[in-house]
Amino acid sequence: MVLWVFGYVSLVWNPGFEFDESIVGFIEDHKQAFTVACIYHRGTPENPARTLNLERSEGSICMDSTSFAIGVSRTALKYLEKRVCEYNLKAYVDFYVEENPLKPAVTDVTVFISTPDKEVDKYYLGPAPVEEMARQIAMSSEPCGNSRDYLFSLQKALFAIG
């Protein structure tokens, strides 16, 4: 059995697990937004970093991300559960490729998201003015590095895949 995982955050440039296959493409009706507090990898509880979340948005397209095929028996799923600990919900989406944008290349791709409700998900920060988000990204740092590196590494990876 194979499990497909949608990599839209640091998984794009640093999956950190073995996978059998990866494909570049997009999902529909979702957008990325810096709405999640990261207190373990890029920030601290006192100074949380802002990381990307995937939010439902009718008509939006989350472009140029990667989906990874992993064998369910591997330790990748356990690793992912620990790595994406700030995301409290698993959802399943259809994944499309540019060559055939009308028919999903893969269905039921797992994606980790944060519930957009501060009462339900303690890591959900919600939207904020650009200046506040930029300050949080510029000032936060912890075990995996600073948030500026997160942002620039993601930008570099997205340019590399198109």
N, C-alpha and C. Protein backbone atom coordinates (compact mmCIF):
# COMPACT_ATOMS: atom_id res chain seq x y z
N MET A 1 0.84 -1.18 0.00
CA MET A 1 0.00 0.00 0.00
C MET A 1 0.88 1.24 0.00
N VAL A 2 0.47 2.26 -0.73
CA VAL A 2 1.22 3.50 -0.82
C VAL A 2 0.37 4.65 -0.30
N LEU A 3 0.98 5.51 0.45
CA LEU A 3 0.34 6.71 0.96
C LEU A 3 0.98 7.91 0.26
N TRP A 4 0.15 8.80 -0.25
CA TRP A 4 0.65 10.03 -0.85
C TRP A 4 0.49 11.16 0.15
N VAL A 5 1.54 11.98 0.29
CA VAL A 5 1.54 13.11 1.20
C VAL A 5 1.83 14.37 0.41
N PHE A 6 1.02 15.40 0.62
CA PHE A 6 1.20 16.69 -0.05
C PHE A 6 2.19 17.52 0.74
N GLY A 7 3.29 17.91 0.10
CA GLY A 7 4.32 18.71 0.75
C GLY A 7 4.23 20.15 0.30
N TYR A 8 3.69 21.01 1.14
CA TYR A 8 3.55 22.41 0.74
C TYR A 8 4.34 23.36 1.63
N VAL A 9 4.90 22.90 2.69
CA VAL A 9 5.72 23.76 3.54
C VAL A 9 7.17 23.33 3.37
N SER A 10 7.90 23.18 4.45
CA SER A 10 9.31 22.81 4.32
C SER A 10 9.50 21.42 3.73
N LEU A 11 8.43 20.64 3.65
CA LEU A 11 8.54 19.33 2.99
C LEU A 11 8.93 19.48 1.52
N VAL A 12 8.62 20.62 0.91
CA VAL A 12 8.98 20.85 -0.49
C VAL A 12 10.49 20.81 -0.67
N TRP A 13 11.23 21.43 0.22
CA TRP A 13 12.68 21.49 0.07
C TRP A 13 13.44 20.58 1.01
N ASN A 14 12.76 20.01 1.99
CA ASN A 14 13.44 19.14 2.94
C ASN A 14 12.47 18.09 3.46
N PRO A 15 12.14 17.07 2.65
CA PRO A 15 11.17 16.10 3.13
C PRO A 15 11.62 15.39 4.40
N GLY A 16 12.89 15.01 4.50
CA GLY A 16 13.39 14.39 5.71
C GLY A 16 13.02 12.93 5.88
N PHE A 17 12.48 12.31 4.85
CA PHE A 17 12.11 10.90 4.92
C PHE A 17 12.31 10.28 3.55
N GLU A 18 12.41 8.96 3.53
CA GLU A 18 12.54 8.26 2.25
C GLU A 18 11.17 8.18 1.59
N PHE A 19 11.17 8.33 0.27
CA PHE A 19 9.92 8.20 -0.48
C PHE A 19 10.19 7.43 -1.75
N ASP A 20 9.14 6.82 -2.28
CA ASP A 20 9.27 6.00 -3.48
C ASP A 20 9.19 6.82 -4.76
N GLU A 21 8.46 7.92 -4.71
CA GLU A 21 8.22 8.73 -5.90
C GLU A 21 7.80 10.12 -5.45
N SER A 22 8.07 11.12 -6.28
CA SER A 22 7.54 12.46 -6.02
C SER A 22 7.10 13.06 -7.35
N ILE A 23 6.05 13.85 -7.29
CA ILE A 23 5.56 14.54 -8.48
C ILE A 23 5.25 15.98 -8.12
N VAL A 24 5.43 16.87 -9.08
CA VAL A 24 5.16 18.28 -8.91
C VAL A 24 3.80 18.59 -9.51
N GLY A 25 3.03 19.37 -8.81
CA GLY A 25 1.72 19.73 -9.31
C GLY A 25 1.01 20.70 -8.39
N PHE A 26 -0.32 20.58 -8.31
CA PHE A 26 -1.10 21.55 -7.55
C PHE A 26 -2.39 20.92 -7.02
N ILE A 27 -3.00 21.62 -6.08
CA ILE A 27 -4.32 21.24 -5.60
C ILE A 27 -5.24 22.44 -5.78
N GLU A 28 -6.52 22.17 -5.83
CA GLU A 28 -7.51 23.23 -6.03
C GLU A 28 -8.23 23.57 -4.73
N ASP A 29 -8.83 24.76 -4.74
CA ASP A 29 -9.68 25.24 -3.65
C ASP A 29 -8.96 25.37 -2.32
N HIS A 30 -7.65 25.63 -2.36
CA HIS A 30 -6.85 25.87 -1.17
C HIS A 30 -5.83 26.96 -1.47
N LYS A 31 -5.42 27.66 -0.44
CA LYS A 31 -4.34 28.66 -0.55
C LYS A 31 -3.43 28.51 0.65
N GLN A 32 -2.22 29.00 0.51
CA GLN A 32 -1.26 28.98 1.61
C GLN A 32 -1.28 30.34 2.31
N ALA A 33 -1.16 30.31 3.63
CA ALA A 33 -1.14 31.55 4.40
C ALA A 33 -0.26 31.34 5.64
N PHE A 34 0.44 32.37 6.04
CA PHE A 34 1.28 32.31 7.24
C PHE A 34 0.41 32.50 8.48
N THR A 35 -0.27 31.43 8.89
CA THR A 35 -1.22 31.53 10.00
C THR A 35 -0.97 30.56 11.15
N VAL A 36 0.14 29.81 11.11
CA VAL A 36 0.40 28.81 12.14
C VAL A 36 1.64 29.19 12.96
N ALA A 37 1.52 29.05 14.28
CA ALA A 37 2.65 29.29 15.18
C ALA A 37 3.51 28.05 15.23
N CYS A 38 4.78 28.22 14.97
CA CYS A 38 5.74 27.12 15.09
C CYS A 38 6.58 27.41 16.33
N ILE A 39 6.45 26.54 17.34
CA ILE A 39 7.19 26.76 18.58
C ILE A 39 8.26 25.70 18.83
N TYR A 40 8.32 24.69 17.97
CA TYR A 40 9.28 23.61 18.17
C TYR A 40 10.45 23.65 17.20
N HIS A 41 10.21 24.03 15.96
CA HIS A 41 11.25 23.94 14.93
C HIS A 41 11.85 25.29 14.55
N ARG A 42 11.05 26.34 14.53
CA ARG A 42 11.52 27.65 14.06
C ARG A 42 11.30 28.77 15.06
N GLY A 43 10.69 28.47 16.18
CA GLY A 43 10.42 29.49 17.18
C GLY A 43 10.31 28.86 18.56
N THR A 44 9.85 29.63 19.50
CA THR A 44 9.67 29.17 20.88
C THR A 44 8.26 29.57 21.33
N PRO A 45 7.80 29.03 22.46
CA PRO A 45 6.49 29.47 22.96
C PRO A 45 6.45 30.98 23.23
N GLU A 46 7.56 31.53 23.67
CA GLU A 46 7.62 32.97 23.95
C GLU A 46 7.73 33.81 22.67
N ASN A 47 8.34 33.24 21.65
CA ASN A 47 8.57 33.95 20.39
C ASN A 47 8.26 33.01 19.23
N PRO A 48 6.97 32.74 18.97
CA PRO A 48 6.62 31.77 17.92
C PRO A 48 6.94 32.29 16.53
N ALA A 49 7.36 31.36 15.69
CA ALA A 49 7.56 31.69 14.27
C ALA A 49 6.21 31.57 13.57
N ARG A 50 6.09 32.17 12.42
CA ARG A 50 4.90 32.00 11.58
C ARG A 50 5.28 31.08 10.45
N THR A 51 4.52 30.01 10.29
CA THR A 51 4.74 29.11 9.17
C THR A 51 3.46 28.99 8.36
N LEU A 52 3.61 28.40 7.19
CA LEU A 52 2.49 28.30 6.28
C LEU A 52 1.46 27.27 6.71
N ASN A 53 0.23 27.59 6.44
CA ASN A 53 -0.89 26.68 6.62
C ASN A 53 -1.61 26.60 5.28
N LEU A 54 -2.34 25.55 5.10
CA LEU A 54 -3.15 25.38 3.91
C LEU A 54 -4.60 25.65 4.32
N GLU A 55 -5.21 26.63 3.70
CA GLU A 55 -6.57 27.01 4.06
C GLU A 55 -7.51 26.81 2.90
N ARG A 56 -8.72 26.37 3.21
CA ARG A 56 -9.75 26.19 2.19
C ARG A 56 -10.10 27.54 1.60
N SER A 57 -10.13 27.63 0.28
CA SER A 57 -10.44 28.87 -0.41
C SER A 57 -10.99 28.53 -1.80
N GLU A 58 -12.30 28.54 -1.92
CA GLU A 58 -12.94 28.19 -3.19
C GLU A 58 -12.33 28.97 -4.35
N GLY A 59 -11.99 28.26 -5.41
CA GLY A 59 -11.46 28.89 -6.61
C GLY A 59 -9.96 29.13 -6.60
N SER A 60 -9.32 28.99 -5.45
CA SER A 60 -7.87 29.19 -5.36
C SER A 60 -7.15 27.92 -5.81
N ILE A 61 -5.90 28.10 -6.19
CA ILE A 61 -5.05 26.98 -6.57
C ILE A 61 -3.74 27.11 -5.82
N CYS A 62 -3.34 26.05 -5.16
CA CYS A 62 -2.05 26.00 -4.48
C CYS A 62 -1.08 25.35 -5.46
N MET A 63 -0.30 26.17 -6.13
CA MET A 63 0.55 25.74 -7.24
C MET A 63 1.92 25.24 -6.78
N ASP A 64 2.52 24.53 -7.70
CA ASP A 64 3.93 24.16 -7.62
C ASP A 64 4.36 23.61 -6.27
N SER A 65 3.69 22.59 -5.85
CA SER A 65 4.11 21.87 -4.67
C SER A 65 4.38 20.43 -5.06
N THR A 66 4.82 19.65 -4.13
CA THR A 66 5.24 18.28 -4.42
C THR A 66 4.42 17.31 -3.59
N SER A 67 4.04 16.20 -4.20
CA SER A 67 3.44 15.10 -3.46
C SER A 67 4.43 13.95 -3.46
N PHE A 68 4.48 13.25 -2.32
CA PHE A 68 5.43 12.16 -2.14
C PHE A 68 4.69 10.86 -1.90
N ALA A 69 5.12 9.79 -2.56
CA ALA A 69 4.58 8.46 -2.31
C ALA A 69 5.49 7.76 -1.31
N ILE A 70 4.89 7.31 -0.21
CA ILE A 70 5.67 6.59 0.80
C ILE A 70 4.98 5.28 1.12
N GLY A 71 5.76 4.26 1.38
CA GLY A 71 5.21 2.99 1.81
C GLY A 71 4.69 3.11 3.24
N VAL A 72 3.49 2.66 3.47
CA VAL A 72 2.88 2.82 4.79
C VAL A 72 3.68 2.12 5.88
N SER A 73 4.39 1.07 5.54
CA SER A 73 5.14 0.33 6.55
C SER A 73 6.40 1.06 6.99
N ARG A 74 6.78 2.09 6.29
CA ARG A 74 8.00 2.82 6.63
C ARG A 74 7.79 3.72 7.83
N THR A 75 8.87 4.22 8.33
CA THR A 75 8.81 5.11 9.49
C THR A 75 8.48 6.54 9.09
N ALA A 76 8.29 6.80 7.81
CA ALA A 76 8.02 8.16 7.34
C ALA A 76 6.77 8.75 7.98
N LEU A 77 5.72 7.96 8.10
CA LEU A 77 4.48 8.48 8.66
C LEU A 77 4.68 8.89 10.12
N LYS A 78 5.39 8.07 10.87
CA LYS A 78 5.68 8.40 12.27
C LYS A 78 6.51 9.68 12.34
N TYR A 79 7.49 9.78 11.47
CA TYR A 79 8.32 10.98 11.41
C TYR A 79 7.48 12.22 11.08
N LEU A 80 6.58 12.08 10.11
CA LEU A 80 5.73 13.21 9.72
C LEU A 80 4.82 13.66 10.86
N GLU A 81 4.25 12.71 11.58
CA GLU A 81 3.37 13.05 12.70
C GLU A 81 4.11 13.92 13.72
N LYS A 82 5.36 13.60 13.97
CA LYS A 82 6.16 14.39 14.91
C LYS A 82 6.54 15.74 14.31
N ARG A 83 6.92 15.73 13.06
CA ARG A 83 7.39 16.95 12.41
C ARG A 83 6.29 17.98 12.24
N VAL A 84 5.10 17.55 11.93
CA VAL A 84 4.00 18.49 11.67
C VAL A 84 3.09 18.62 12.90
N CYS A 85 3.69 18.58 14.08
CA CYS A 85 2.92 18.56 15.33
C CYS A 85 2.05 19.80 15.53
N GLU A 86 2.35 20.92 14.88
CA GLU A 86 1.52 22.11 15.03
C GLU A 86 0.25 22.04 14.17
N TYR A 87 0.16 21.06 13.31
CA TYR A 87 -1.00 20.91 12.44
C TYR A 87 -1.89 19.82 13.02
N ASN A 88 -3.13 20.15 13.34
CA ASN A 88 -3.97 19.24 14.11
C ASN A 88 -4.97 18.44 13.27
N LEU A 89 -4.93 18.57 11.96
CA LEU A 89 -5.93 17.93 11.13
C LEU A 89 -5.30 17.33 9.88
N LYS A 90 -5.73 16.12 9.55
CA LYS A 90 -5.33 15.51 8.28
C LYS A 90 -6.53 15.62 7.35
N ALA A 91 -6.28 16.10 6.16
CA ALA A 91 -7.33 16.18 5.15
C ALA A 91 -6.85 15.40 3.92
N TYR A 92 -7.75 15.19 3.00
CA TYR A 92 -7.43 14.41 1.80
C TYR A 92 -7.88 15.21 0.59
N VAL A 93 -6.96 15.38 -0.36
CA VAL A 93 -7.22 16.23 -1.52
C VAL A 93 -6.85 15.50 -2.81
N ASP A 94 -7.34 16.01 -3.91
CA ASP A 94 -6.92 15.54 -5.23
C ASP A 94 -5.73 16.37 -5.67
N PHE A 95 -4.77 15.72 -6.31
CA PHE A 95 -3.53 16.35 -6.74
C PHE A 95 -3.47 16.30 -8.26
N TYR A 96 -3.20 17.44 -8.88
CA TYR A 96 -3.18 17.56 -10.33
C TYR A 96 -1.78 17.90 -10.82
N VAL A 97 -1.50 17.55 -12.06
CA VAL A 97 -0.25 17.94 -12.70
C VAL A 97 -0.57 18.83 -13.89
N GLU A 98 0.39 19.66 -14.24
CA GLU A 98 0.19 20.64 -15.31
C GLU A 98 -0.18 20.00 -16.65
N GLU A 99 0.37 18.82 -16.92
CA GLU A 99 0.12 18.16 -18.20
C GLU A 99 -1.35 17.76 -18.38
N ASN A 100 -2.08 17.54 -17.28
CA ASN A 100 -3.49 17.16 -17.35
C ASN A 100 -4.22 17.80 -16.17
N PRO A 101 -4.50 19.11 -16.26
CA PRO A 101 -5.07 19.83 -15.12
C PRO A 101 -6.55 19.56 -14.85
N LEU A 102 -7.19 18.76 -15.67
CA LEU A 102 -8.61 18.49 -15.48
C LEU A 102 -8.91 17.17 -14.77
N LYS A 103 -7.91 16.28 -14.75
CA LYS A 103 -8.10 14.98 -14.12
C LYS A 103 -7.02 14.80 -13.05
N PRO A 104 -7.41 14.43 -11.81
CA PRO A 104 -6.40 14.25 -10.77
C PRO A 104 -5.37 13.18 -11.14
N ALA A 105 -4.11 13.50 -10.90
CA ALA A 105 -3.05 12.52 -11.09
C ALA A 105 -3.05 11.52 -9.93
N VAL A 106 -3.41 12.03 -8.75
CA VAL A 106 -3.50 11.20 -7.54
C VAL A 106 -4.69 11.71 -6.73
N THR A 107 -5.49 10.79 -6.21
CA THR A 107 -6.60 11.17 -5.35
C THR A 107 -6.29 10.80 -3.90
N ASP A 108 -6.99 11.42 -2.99
CA ASP A 108 -6.83 11.15 -1.56
C ASP A 108 -5.40 11.32 -1.06
N VAL A 109 -4.78 12.42 -1.48
CA VAL A 109 -3.44 12.76 -1.01
C VAL A 109 -3.59 13.37 0.39
N THR A 110 -2.81 12.86 1.34
CA THR A 110 -2.88 13.36 2.72
C THR A 110 -2.21 14.71 2.81
N VAL A 111 -2.87 15.64 3.49
CA VAL A 111 -2.30 16.95 3.74
C VAL A 111 -2.53 17.29 5.22
N PHE A 112 -1.51 17.86 5.84
CA PHE A 112 -1.61 18.26 7.23
C PHE A 112 -1.93 19.75 7.28
N ILE A 113 -2.98 20.10 8.01
CA ILE A 113 -3.39 21.50 8.10
C ILE A 113 -3.71 21.85 9.55
N SER A 114 -3.79 23.13 9.80
CA SER A 114 -4.17 23.62 11.11
C SER A 114 -5.61 24.14 11.01
N THR A 115 -6.43 23.73 11.96
CA THR A 115 -7.82 24.18 11.97
C THR A 115 -7.87 25.69 12.16
N PRO A 116 -8.56 26.41 11.28
CA PRO A 116 -8.60 27.87 11.39
C PRO A 116 -9.53 28.36 12.50
N ASP A 117 -9.26 27.92 13.71
CA ASP A 117 -10.08 28.29 14.86
C ASP A 117 -9.18 28.25 16.09
N LYS A 118 -8.93 29.40 16.68
CA LYS A 118 -8.02 29.50 17.82
C LYS A 118 -8.53 28.75 19.05
N GLU A 119 -9.82 28.51 19.13
CA GLU A 119 -10.38 27.77 20.26
C GLU A 119 -10.07 26.27 20.13
N VAL A 120 -9.99 25.77 18.89
CA VAL A 120 -9.77 24.35 18.62
C VAL A 120 -8.29 24.02 18.48
N ASP A 121 -7.54 24.92 17.89
CA ASP A 121 -6.13 24.67 17.60
C ASP A 121 -5.28 25.76 18.22
N LYS A 122 -4.52 25.40 19.24
CA LYS A 122 -3.71 26.40 19.95
C LYS A 122 -2.59 26.98 19.10
N TYR A 123 -2.25 26.35 17.98
CA TYR A 123 -1.19 26.84 17.12
C TYR A 123 -1.69 27.79 16.03
N TYR A 124 -2.99 27.86 15.86
CA TYR A 124 -3.52 28.73 14.80
C TYR A 124 -3.45 30.18 15.26
N LEU A 125 -2.70 30.99 14.53
CA LEU A 125 -2.55 32.41 14.85
C LEU A 125 -3.57 33.26 14.12
N GLY A 126 -3.98 32.81 12.95
CA GLY A 126 -4.89 33.60 12.13
C GLY A 126 -4.15 34.65 11.33
N PRO A 127 -4.89 35.38 10.52
CA PRO A 127 -4.27 36.42 9.71
C PRO A 127 -3.74 37.57 10.57
N ALA A 128 -2.83 38.32 10.00
CA ALA A 128 -2.25 39.47 10.69
C ALA A 128 -1.75 40.45 9.63
N PRO A 129 -1.53 41.69 10.01
CA PRO A 129 -0.94 42.64 9.07
C PRO A 129 0.42 42.14 8.59
N VAL A 130 0.76 42.45 7.36
CA VAL A 130 2.02 42.00 6.76
C VAL A 130 3.21 42.40 7.63
N GLU A 131 3.18 43.59 8.19
CA GLU A 131 4.30 44.06 9.02
C GLU A 131 4.50 43.16 10.23
N GLU A 132 3.40 42.73 10.87
CA GLU A 132 3.49 41.86 12.03
C GLU A 132 4.03 40.48 11.64
N MET A 133 3.54 39.95 10.52
CA MET A 133 4.03 38.65 10.05
C MET A 133 5.51 38.73 9.71
N ALA A 134 5.91 39.80 9.04
CA ALA A 134 7.32 39.97 8.68
C ALA A 134 8.20 40.05 9.93
N ARG A 135 7.73 40.74 10.97
CA ARG A 135 8.49 40.84 12.21
C ARG A 135 8.65 39.46 12.85
N GLN A 136 7.56 38.69 12.89
CA GLN A 136 7.63 37.35 13.48
C GLN A 136 8.59 36.45 12.70
N ILE A 137 8.56 36.54 11.39
CA ILE A 137 9.45 35.73 10.56
C ILE A 137 10.91 36.18 10.75
N ALA A 138 11.12 37.48 10.81
CA ALA A 138 12.48 38.01 10.93
C ALA A 138 13.10 37.74 12.30
N MET A 139 12.28 37.69 13.34
CA MET A 139 12.80 37.63 14.70
C MET A 139 12.82 36.24 15.33
N SER A 140 12.19 35.25 14.73
CA SER A 140 12.10 33.95 15.39
C SER A 140 13.18 33.00 14.90
N SER A 141 13.63 32.18 15.84
CA SER A 141 14.70 31.24 15.56
C SER A 141 14.74 30.19 16.67
N GLU A 142 15.09 28.97 16.30
CA GLU A 142 15.25 27.90 17.29
C GLU A 142 15.93 26.69 16.68
N PRO A 143 15.66 25.45 17.15
CA PRO A 143 16.49 24.29 16.82
C PRO A 143 16.75 24.06 15.33
N CYS A 144 15.77 24.28 14.48
CA CYS A 144 15.94 24.00 13.05
C CYS A 144 16.43 25.22 12.27
N GLY A 145 16.71 26.30 12.96
CA GLY A 145 17.17 27.50 12.29
C GLY A 145 16.17 28.63 12.43
N ASN A 146 16.45 29.71 11.73
CA ASN A 146 15.54 30.85 11.84
C ASN A 146 14.48 30.83 10.75
N SER A 147 13.45 31.60 10.96
CA SER A 147 12.34 31.62 10.03
C SER A 147 12.69 32.26 8.69
N ARG A 148 13.67 33.15 8.71
CA ARG A 148 14.10 33.72 7.42
C ARG A 148 14.62 32.62 6.51
N ASP A 149 15.41 31.70 7.07
CA ASP A 149 15.92 30.58 6.27
C ASP A 149 14.77 29.71 5.75
N TYR A 150 13.76 29.50 6.58
CA TYR A 150 12.56 28.74 6.17
C TYR A 150 11.93 29.41 4.95
N LEU A 151 11.71 30.71 5.05
CA LEU A 151 11.08 31.46 3.97
C LEU A 151 11.92 31.44 2.70
N PHE A 152 13.20 31.71 2.83
CA PHE A 152 14.06 31.77 1.64
C PHE A 152 14.31 30.39 1.04
N SER A 153 14.40 29.35 1.87
CA SER A 153 14.56 27.98 1.35
C SER A 153 13.31 27.55 0.60
N LEU A 154 12.15 27.90 1.12
CA LEU A 154 10.91 27.56 0.44
C LEU A 154 10.82 28.30 -0.89
N GLN A 155 11.16 29.58 -0.90
CA GLN A 155 11.15 30.36 -2.13
C GLN A 155 12.08 29.74 -3.18
N LYS A 156 13.27 29.39 -2.77
CA LYS A 156 14.26 28.80 -3.68
C LYS A 156 13.73 27.46 -4.25
N ALA A 157 13.13 26.63 -3.39
CA ALA A 157 12.61 25.34 -3.83
C ALA A 157 11.45 25.51 -4.81
N LEU A 158 10.58 26.47 -4.54
CA LEU A 158 9.44 26.71 -5.44
C LEU A 158 9.91 27.24 -6.79
N PHE A 159 10.91 28.10 -6.79
CA PHE A 159 11.47 28.55 -8.07
C PHE A 159 12.08 27.38 -8.83
N ALA A 160 12.73 26.48 -8.12
CA ALA A 160 13.39 25.34 -8.76
C ALA A 160 12.40 24.39 -9.43
N ILE A 161 11.20 24.27 -8.85
CA ILE A 161 10.22 23.36 -9.46
C ILE A 161 9.26 24.06 -10.41
N GLY A 162 9.45 25.35 -10.55
CA GLY A 162 8.66 26.03 -11.58
C GLY A 162 7.79 27.13 -11.07
